[in-house]
Structure formats: structure tokens, C-alpha cells
Amino acid sequence: MSANKSLWMAIMVSLPISLALPLSAAEKLKALIVDGQNNHEVWPKSTIMMKQYLEETGLFEVEIGRTHYIWKSERE
């Protein structure tokens, strides 16, 4: 399974579970989005979108961890 699919799967599984938990108004769940491993141009934008979606719920405090990006293709 690709890293992107794994990330989406983790979000889709954890989101309903976290919504079912009782939370006080001041308590937010901490989320970490790790990106930088894909060799296409969409991941920076999708990371920001995921962060915004999660924070807009008011349930999450989101941080982004970007790994060192390495281009492994033979073409530029």
C-alpha cells in the first residue's frame, strides 16, 4: 500500500473514532501529518488542505512534519 493511501486510511479510520470520544471544550487531539515522501507535485497542497480540514472541526491541533524530499527519478 502506498504511503498516501496509508495516510488517508489512517485519517478515515481515526476521525470517526475520535469524534465518538467525549471531549471537553479546551481539549484538542494532537495530529501529526508527515509528508515529503512522494515524487509528484500535489502532496504539499494536499497536506495543507488536510491540516485545514482537521483544524476547522475544532477538534484537532495539527502539526506538519516534512521529511527531506529526494527525487529518485532518472528524468527531471
PDB file of N, CA and C in Angstrom:
ATOM      1  N   MET A   1       0.850  -1.171   0.000  1.00  0.00           N
ATOM      2  CA  MET A   1       0.000   0.000   0.000  1.00  0.00           C
ATOM      3  C   MET A   1       0.897   1.236   0.000  1.00  0.00           C
ATOM      4  N   SER A   2       0.562   2.213  -0.793  1.00  0.00           N
ATOM      5  CA  SER A   2       1.386   3.418  -0.876  1.00  0.00           C
ATOM      6  C   SER A   2       1.244   4.241   0.399  1.00  0.00           C
ATOM      7  N   ALA A   3       2.221   5.111   0.627  1.00  0.00           N
ATOM      8  CA  ALA A   3       2.209   5.954   1.823  1.00  0.00           C
ATOM      9  C   ALA A   3       1.000   6.879   1.830  1.00  0.00           C
ATOM     10  N   ASN A   4       0.632   7.371   0.652  1.00  0.00           N
ATOM     11  CA  ASN A   4      -0.518   8.273   0.547  1.00  0.00           C
ATOM     12  C   ASN A   4      -1.814   7.560   0.939  1.00  0.00           C
ATOM     13  N   LYS A   5      -1.985   6.338   0.430  1.00  0.00           N
ATOM     14  CA  LYS A   5      -3.184   5.573   0.762  1.00  0.00           C
ATOM     15  C   LYS A   5      -3.195   5.225   2.240  1.00  0.00           C
ATOM     16  N   SER A   6      -2.034   4.915   2.798  1.00  0.00           N
ATOM     17  CA  SER A   6      -1.960   4.595   4.218  1.00  0.00           C
ATOM     18  C   SER A   6      -2.349   5.791   5.071  1.00  0.00           C
ATOM     19  N   LEU A   7      -1.893   6.977   4.674  1.00  0.00           N
ATOM     20  CA  LEU A   7      -2.211   8.197   5.415  1.00  0.00           C
ATOM     21  C   LEU A   7      -3.711   8.457   5.378  1.00  0.00           C
ATOM     22  N   TRP A   8      -4.303   8.390   4.202  1.00  0.00           N
ATOM     23  CA  TRP A   8      -5.750   8.613   4.079  1.00  0.00           C
ATOM     24  C   TRP A   8      -6.523   7.582   4.871  1.00  0.00           C
ATOM     25  N   MET A   9      -6.073   6.332   4.827  1.00  0.00           N
ATOM     26  CA  MET A   9      -6.757   5.276   5.555  1.00  0.00           C
ATOM     27  C   MET A   9      -6.695   5.543   7.066  1.00  0.00           C
ATOM     28  N   ALA A  10      -5.541   5.978   7.552  1.00  0.00           N
ATOM     29  CA  ALA A  10      -5.390   6.283   8.974  1.00  0.00           C
ATOM     30  C   ALA A  10      -6.314   7.421   9.387  1.00  0.00           C
ATOM     31  N   ILE A  11      -6.412   8.437   8.551  1.00  0.00           N
ATOM     32  CA  ILE A  11      -7.293   9.572   8.857  1.00  0.00           C
ATOM     33  C   ILE A  11      -8.749   9.127   8.861  1.00  0.00           C
ATOM     34  N   MET A  12      -9.131   8.364   7.853  1.00  0.00           N
ATOM     35  CA  MET A  12     -10.527   7.944   7.731  1.00  0.00           C
ATOM     36  C   MET A  12     -10.935   7.002   8.869  1.00  0.00           C
ATOM     37  N   VAL A  13      -9.997   6.208   9.370  1.00  0.00           N
ATOM     38  CA  VAL A  13     -10.308   5.297  10.477  1.00  0.00           C
ATOM     39  C   VAL A  13     -10.328   6.045  11.804  1.00  0.00           C
ATOM     40  N   SER A  14      -9.372   6.941  12.008  1.00  0.00           N
ATOM     41  CA  SER A  14      -9.262   7.611  13.303  1.00  0.00           C
ATOM     42  C   SER A  14     -10.275   8.734  13.495  1.00  0.00           C
ATOM     43  N   LEU A  15     -10.694   9.374  12.422  1.00  0.00           N
ATOM     44  CA  LEU A  15     -11.618  10.501  12.553  1.00  0.00           C
ATOM     45  C   LEU A  15     -12.947  10.086  13.192  1.00  0.00           C
ATOM     46  N   PRO A  16     -13.627   9.049  12.690  1.00  0.00           N
ATOM     47  CA  PRO A  16     -14.896   8.670  13.335  1.00  0.00           C
ATOM     48  C   PRO A  16     -14.712   8.223  14.787  1.00  0.00           C
ATOM     49  N   ILE A  17     -13.617   7.538  15.073  1.00  0.00           N
ATOM     50  CA  ILE A  17     -13.356   7.091  16.438  1.00  0.00           C
ATOM     51  C   ILE A  17     -13.162   8.296  17.347  1.00  0.00           C
ATOM     52  N   SER A  18     -12.390   9.260  16.881  1.00  0.00           N
ATOM     53  CA  SER A  18     -12.120  10.442  17.704  1.00  0.00           C
ATOM     54  C   SER A  18     -13.370  11.286  17.899  1.00  0.00           C
ATOM     55  N   LEU A  19     -14.256  11.322  16.919  1.00  0.00           N
ATOM     56  CA  LEU A  19     -15.491  12.088  17.059  1.00  0.00           C
ATOM     57  C   LEU A  19     -16.434  11.459  18.082  1.00  0.00           C
ATOM     58  N   ALA A  20     -16.291  10.161  18.289  1.00  0.00           N
ATOM     59  CA  ALA A  20     -17.158   9.472  19.233  1.00  0.00           C
ATOM     60  C   ALA A  20     -16.701   9.660  20.680  1.00  0.00           C
ATOM     61  N   LEU A  21     -15.477  10.071  20.896  1.00  0.00           N
ATOM     62  CA  LEU A  21     -14.955  10.247  22.246  1.00  0.00           C
ATOM     63  C   LEU A  21     -15.452  11.561  22.847  1.00  0.00           C
ATOM     64  N   PRO A  22     -15.837  11.539  24.099  1.00  0.00           N
ATOM     65  CA  PRO A  22     -16.255  12.794  24.729  1.00  0.00           C
ATOM     66  C   PRO A  22     -15.033  13.672  25.013  1.00  0.00           C
ATOM     67  N   LEU A  23     -15.112  14.935  24.616  1.00  0.00           N
ATOM     68  CA  LEU A  23     -14.011  15.868  24.823  1.00  0.00           C
ATOM     69  C   LEU A  23     -14.525  17.118  25.519  1.00  0.00           C
ATOM     70  N   SER A  24     -13.695  17.679  26.375  1.00  0.00           N
ATOM     71  CA  SER A  24     -14.056  18.972  26.946  1.00  0.00           C
ATOM     72  C   SER A  24     -13.767  20.055  25.908  1.00  0.00           C
ATOM     73  N   ALA A  25     -14.286  21.242  26.115  1.00  0.00           N
ATOM     74  CA  ALA A  25     -14.133  22.320  25.134  1.00  0.00           C
ATOM     75  C   ALA A  25     -12.672  22.706  24.934  1.00  0.00           C
ATOM     76  N   ALA A  26     -11.846  22.607  25.960  1.00  0.00           N
ATOM     77  CA  ALA A  26     -10.444  23.032  25.857  1.00  0.00           C
ATOM     78  C   ALA A  26      -9.537  21.929  25.329  1.00  0.00           C
ATOM     79  N   GLU A  27     -10.000  20.698  25.346  1.00  0.00           N
ATOM     80  CA  GLU A  27      -9.176  19.557  24.950  1.00  0.00           C
ATOM     81  C   GLU A  27      -9.203  19.362  23.439  1.00  0.00           C
ATOM     82  N   LYS A  28      -8.029  19.343  22.800  1.00  0.00           N
ATOM     83  CA  LYS A  28      -7.950  19.058  21.365  1.00  0.00           C
ATOM     84  C   LYS A  28      -7.023  17.874  21.161  1.00  0.00           C
ATOM     85  N   LEU A  29      -7.347  17.078  20.172  1.00  0.00           N
ATOM     86  CA  LEU A  29      -6.479  15.965  19.816  1.00  0.00           C
ATOM     87  C   LEU A  29      -5.296  16.488  19.012  1.00  0.00           C
ATOM     88  N   LYS A  30      -4.134  15.940  19.284  1.00  0.00           N
ATOM     89  CA  LYS A  30      -2.944  16.354  18.547  1.00  0.00           C
ATOM     90  C   LYS A  30      -2.753  15.406  17.365  1.00  0.00           C
ATOM     91  N   ALA A  31      -2.564  15.990  16.186  1.00  0.00           N
ATOM     92  CA  ALA A  31      -2.363  15.203  14.968  1.00  0.00           C
ATOM     93  C   ALA A  31      -1.061  15.627  14.318  1.00  0.00           C
ATOM     94  N   LEU A  32      -0.366  14.673  13.749  1.00  0.00           N
ATOM     95  CA  LEU A  32       0.877  14.942  13.032  1.00  0.00           C
ATOM     96  C   LEU A  32       0.731  14.397  11.621  1.00  0.00           C
ATOM     97  N   ILE A  33       0.923  15.266  10.640  1.00  0.00           N
ATOM     98  CA  ILE A  33       0.909  14.856   9.240  1.00  0.00           C
ATOM     99  C   ILE A  33       2.366  14.830   8.786  1.00  0.00           C
ATOM    100  N   VAL A  34       2.832  13.666   8.360  1.00  0.00           N
ATOM    101  CA  VAL A  34       4.202  13.520   7.867  1.00  0.00           C
ATOM    102  C   VAL A  34       4.131  13.415   6.354  1.00  0.00           C
ATOM    103  N   ASP A  35       4.821  14.309   5.654  1.00  0.00           N
ATOM    104  CA  ASP A  35       4.814  14.259   4.198  1.00  0.00           C
ATOM    105  C   ASP A  35       6.223  14.438   3.650  1.00  0.00           C
ATOM    106  N   GLY A  36       6.324  14.478   2.326  1.00  0.00           N
ATOM    107  CA  GLY A  36       7.614  14.683   1.677  1.00  0.00           C
ATOM    108  C   GLY A  36       8.176  13.443   1.021  1.00  0.00           C
ATOM    109  N   GLN A  37       7.435  12.347   1.034  1.00  0.00           N
ATOM    110  CA  GLN A  37       7.950  11.091   0.508  1.00  0.00           C
ATOM    111  C   GLN A  37       7.508  10.764  -0.911  1.00  0.00           C
ATOM    112  N   ASN A  38       6.667  11.567  -1.495  1.00  0.00           N
ATOM    113  CA  ASN A  38       6.155  11.247  -2.827  1.00  0.00           C
ATOM    114  C   ASN A  38       6.846  12.081  -3.899  1.00  0.00           C
ATOM    115  N   ASN A  39       6.929  11.537  -5.104  1.00  0.00           N
ATOM    116  CA  ASN A  39       7.614  12.240  -6.190  1.00  0.00           C
ATOM    117  C   ASN A  39       6.619  12.845  -7.180  1.00  0.00           C
ATOM    118  N   HIS A  40       5.589  13.465  -6.680  1.00  0.00           N
ATOM    119  CA  HIS A  40       4.656  14.199  -7.526  1.00  0.00           C
ATOM    120  C   HIS A  40       4.433  15.566  -6.898  1.00  0.00           C
ATOM    121  N   GLU A  41       3.787  16.450  -7.589  1.00  0.00           N
ATOM    122  CA  GLU A  41       3.703  17.845  -7.173  1.00  0.00           C
ATOM    123  C   GLU A  41       2.490  18.177  -6.305  1.00  0.00           C
ATOM    124  N   VAL A  42       1.632  17.219  -6.043  1.00  0.00           N
ATOM    125  CA  VAL A  42       0.379  17.523  -5.359  1.00  0.00           C
ATOM    126  C   VAL A  42       0.493  17.472  -3.834  1.00  0.00           C
ATOM    127  N   TRP A  43       1.422  16.704  -3.285  1.00  0.00           N
ATOM    128  CA  TRP A  43       1.417  16.475  -1.843  1.00  0.00           C
ATOM    129  C   TRP A  43       1.537  17.728  -0.987  1.00  0.00           C
ATOM    130  N   PRO A  44       2.289  18.779  -1.360  1.00  0.00           N
ATOM    131  CA  PRO A  44       2.311  19.953  -0.466  1.00  0.00           C
ATOM    132  C   PRO A  44       0.930  20.596  -0.320  1.00  0.00           C
ATOM    133  N   LYS A  45       0.201  20.678  -1.423  1.00  0.00           N
ATOM    134  CA  LYS A  45      -1.137  21.280  -1.387  1.00  0.00           C
ATOM    135  C   LYS A  45      -2.112  20.398  -0.606  1.00  0.00           C
ATOM    136  N   SER A  46      -2.065  19.097  -0.821  1.00  0.00           N
ATOM    137  CA  SER A  46      -2.995  18.210  -0.127  1.00  0.00           C
ATOM    138  C   SER A  46      -2.703  18.174   1.377  1.00  0.00           C
ATOM    139  N   THR A  47      -1.441  18.325   1.746  1.00  0.00           N
ATOM    140  CA  THR A  47      -1.099  18.371   3.167  1.00  0.00           C
ATOM    141  C   THR A  47      -1.734  19.583   3.834  1.00  0.00           C
ATOM    142  N   ILE A  48      -1.619  20.741   3.201  1.00  0.00           N
ATOM    143  CA  ILE A  48      -2.211  21.961   3.753  1.00  0.00           C
ATOM    144  C   ILE A  48      -3.729  21.832   3.828  1.00  0.00           C
ATOM    145  N   MET A  49      -4.333  21.233   2.800  1.00  0.00           N
ATOM    146  CA  MET A  49      -5.783  21.040   2.802  1.00  0.00           C
ATOM    147  C   MET A  49      -6.212  20.129   3.951  1.00  0.00           C
ATOM    148  N   MET A  50      -5.496  19.023   4.161  1.00  0.00           N
ATOM    149  CA  MET A  50      -5.830  18.112   5.262  1.00  0.00           C
ATOM    150  C   MET A  50      -5.716  18.815   6.605  1.00  0.00           C
ATOM    151  N   LYS A  51      -4.648  19.611   6.761  1.00  0.00           N
ATOM    152  CA  LYS A  51      -4.457  20.351   8.011  1.00  0.00           C
ATOM    153  C   LYS A  51      -5.630  21.294   8.247  1.00  0.00           C
ATOM    154  N   GLN A  52      -6.027  22.042   7.226  1.00  0.00           N
ATOM    155  CA  GLN A  52      -7.144  22.980   7.359  1.00  0.00           C
ATOM    156  C   GLN A  52      -8.446  22.258   7.687  1.00  0.00           C
ATOM    157  N   TYR A  53      -8.717  21.149   7.003  1.00  0.00           N
ATOM    158  CA  TYR A  53      -9.947  20.397   7.256  1.00  0.00           C
ATOM    159  C   TYR A  53     -10.015  19.928   8.707  1.00  0.00           C
ATOM    160  N   LEU A  54      -8.908  19.383   9.187  1.00  0.00           N
ATOM    161  CA  LEU A  54      -8.884  18.870  10.555  1.00  0.00           C
ATOM    162  C   LEU A  54      -9.040  19.992  11.577  1.00  0.00           C
ATOM    163  N   GLU A  55      -8.339  21.106  11.374  1.00  0.00           N
ATOM    164  CA  GLU A  55      -8.416  22.211  12.327  1.00  0.00           C
ATOM    165  C   GLU A  55      -9.770  22.908  12.306  1.00  0.00           C
ATOM    166  N   GLU A  56     -10.435  22.934  11.157  1.00  0.00           N
ATOM    167  CA  GLU A  56     -11.755  23.564  11.054  1.00  0.00           C
ATOM    168  C   GLU A  56     -12.809  22.840  11.884  1.00  0.00           C
ATOM    169  N   THR A  57     -12.587  21.561  12.188  1.00  0.00           N
ATOM    170  CA  THR A  57     -13.540  20.834  13.028  1.00  0.00           C
ATOM    171  C   THR A  57     -13.497  21.328  14.464  1.00  0.00           C
ATOM    172  N   GLY A  58     -12.389  21.975  14.829  1.00  0.00           N
ATOM    173  CA  GLY A  58     -12.221  22.438  16.204  1.00  0.00           C
ATOM    174  C   GLY A  58     -11.781  21.346  17.156  1.00  0.00           C
ATOM    175  N   LEU A  59     -11.542  20.146  16.628  1.00  0.00           N
ATOM    176  CA  LEU A  59     -11.168  19.006  17.464  1.00  0.00           C
ATOM    177  C   LEU A  59      -9.676  18.712  17.461  1.00  0.00           C
ATOM    178  N   PHE A  60      -8.953  19.279  16.492  1.00  0.00           N
ATOM    179  CA  PHE A  60      -7.558  18.895  16.302  1.00  0.00           C
ATOM    180  C   PHE A  60      -6.611  20.081  16.368  1.00  0.00           C
ATOM    181  N   GLU A  61      -5.433  19.792  16.872  1.00  0.00           N
ATOM    182  CA  GLU A  61      -4.285  20.687  16.802  1.00  0.00           C
ATOM    183  C   GLU A  61      -3.279  19.954  15.907  1.00  0.00           C
ATOM    184  N   VAL A  62      -3.008  20.500  14.724  1.00  0.00           N
ATOM    185  CA  VAL A  62      -2.261  19.768  13.701  1.00  0.00           C
ATOM    186  C   VAL A  62      -0.869  20.366  13.488  1.00  0.00           C
ATOM    187  N   GLU A  63       0.116  19.482  13.441  1.00  0.00           N
ATOM    188  CA  GLU A  63       1.475  19.864  13.075  1.00  0.00           C
ATOM    189  C   GLU A  63       1.858  19.098  11.815  1.00  0.00           C
ATOM    190  N   ILE A  64       2.747  19.691  11.023  1.00  0.00           N
ATOM    191  CA  ILE A  64       3.232  19.047   9.802  1.00  0.00           C
ATOM    192  C   ILE A  64       4.713  18.742   9.971  1.00  0.00           C
ATOM    193  N   GLY A  65       5.075  17.502   9.715  1.00  0.00           N
ATOM    194  CA  GLY A  65       6.481  17.094   9.719  1.00  0.00           C
ATOM    195  C   GLY A  65       6.872  16.736   8.298  1.00  0.00           C
ATOM    196  N   ARG A  66       7.708  17.543   7.710  1.00  0.00           N
ATOM    197  CA  ARG A  66       8.107  17.304   6.321  1.00  0.00           C
ATOM    198  C   ARG A  66       9.479  16.641   6.303  1.00  0.00           C
ATOM    199  N   THR A  67       9.537  15.449   5.734  1.00  0.00           N
ATOM    200  CA  THR A  67      10.819  14.758   5.623  1.00  0.00           C
ATOM    201  C   THR A  67      11.616  15.344   4.473  1.00  0.00           C
ATOM    202  N   HIS A  68      12.883  15.045   4.442  1.00  0.00           N
ATOM    203  CA  HIS A  68      13.737  15.541   3.366  1.00  0.00           C
ATOM    204  C   HIS A  68      13.301  14.908   2.052  1.00  0.00           C
ATOM    205  N   TYR A  69      12.969  15.739   1.098  1.00  0.00           N
ATOM    206  CA  TYR A  69      12.467  15.272  -0.200  1.00  0.00           C
ATOM    207  C   TYR A  69      13.633  14.879  -1.092  1.00  0.00           C
ATOM    208  N   ILE A  70      13.585  13.671  -1.606  1.00  0.00           N
ATOM    209  CA  ILE A  70      14.639  13.182  -2.511  1.00  0.00           C
ATOM    210  C   ILE A  70      13.977  12.719  -3.792  1.00  0.00           C
ATOM    211  N   TRP A  71      14.372  13.302  -4.912  1.00  0.00           N
ATOM    212  CA  TRP A  71      13.864  12.912  -6.212  1.00  0.00           C
ATOM    213  C   TRP A  71      14.671  11.723  -6.709  1.00  0.00           C
ATOM    214  N   LYS A  72      14.021  10.582  -6.936  1.00  0.00           N
ATOM    215  CA  LYS A  72      14.730   9.362  -7.318  1.00  0.00           C
ATOM    216  C   LYS A  72      14.526   8.988  -8.772  1.00  0.00           C
ATOM    217  N   SER A  73      13.903   9.823  -9.533  1.00  0.00           N
ATOM    218  CA  SER A  73      13.648   9.505 -10.930  1.00  0.00           C
ATOM    219  C   SER A  73      14.866   9.830 -11.787  1.00  0.00           C
ATOM    220  N   GLU A  74      14.957   9.183 -12.941  1.00  0.00           N
ATOM    221  CA  GLU A  74      16.065   9.438 -13.844  1.00  0.00           C
ATOM    222  C   GLU A  74      15.809  10.656 -14.714  1.00  0.00           C
ATOM    223  N   ARG A  75      14.571  11.098 -14.787  1.00  0.00           N
ATOM    224  CA  ARG A  75      14.262  12.283 -15.576  1.00  0.00           C
ATOM    225  C   ARG A  75      13.965  13.440 -14.642  1.00  0.00           C
ATOM    226  N   GLU A  76      14.110  14.631 -15.128  1.00  0.00           N
ATOM    227  CA  GLU A  76      13.917  15.853 -14.345  1.00  0.00           C
ATOM    228  C   GLU A  76      12.479  16.280 -14.371  1.00  0.00           C
TER     229      GLU A  76
END
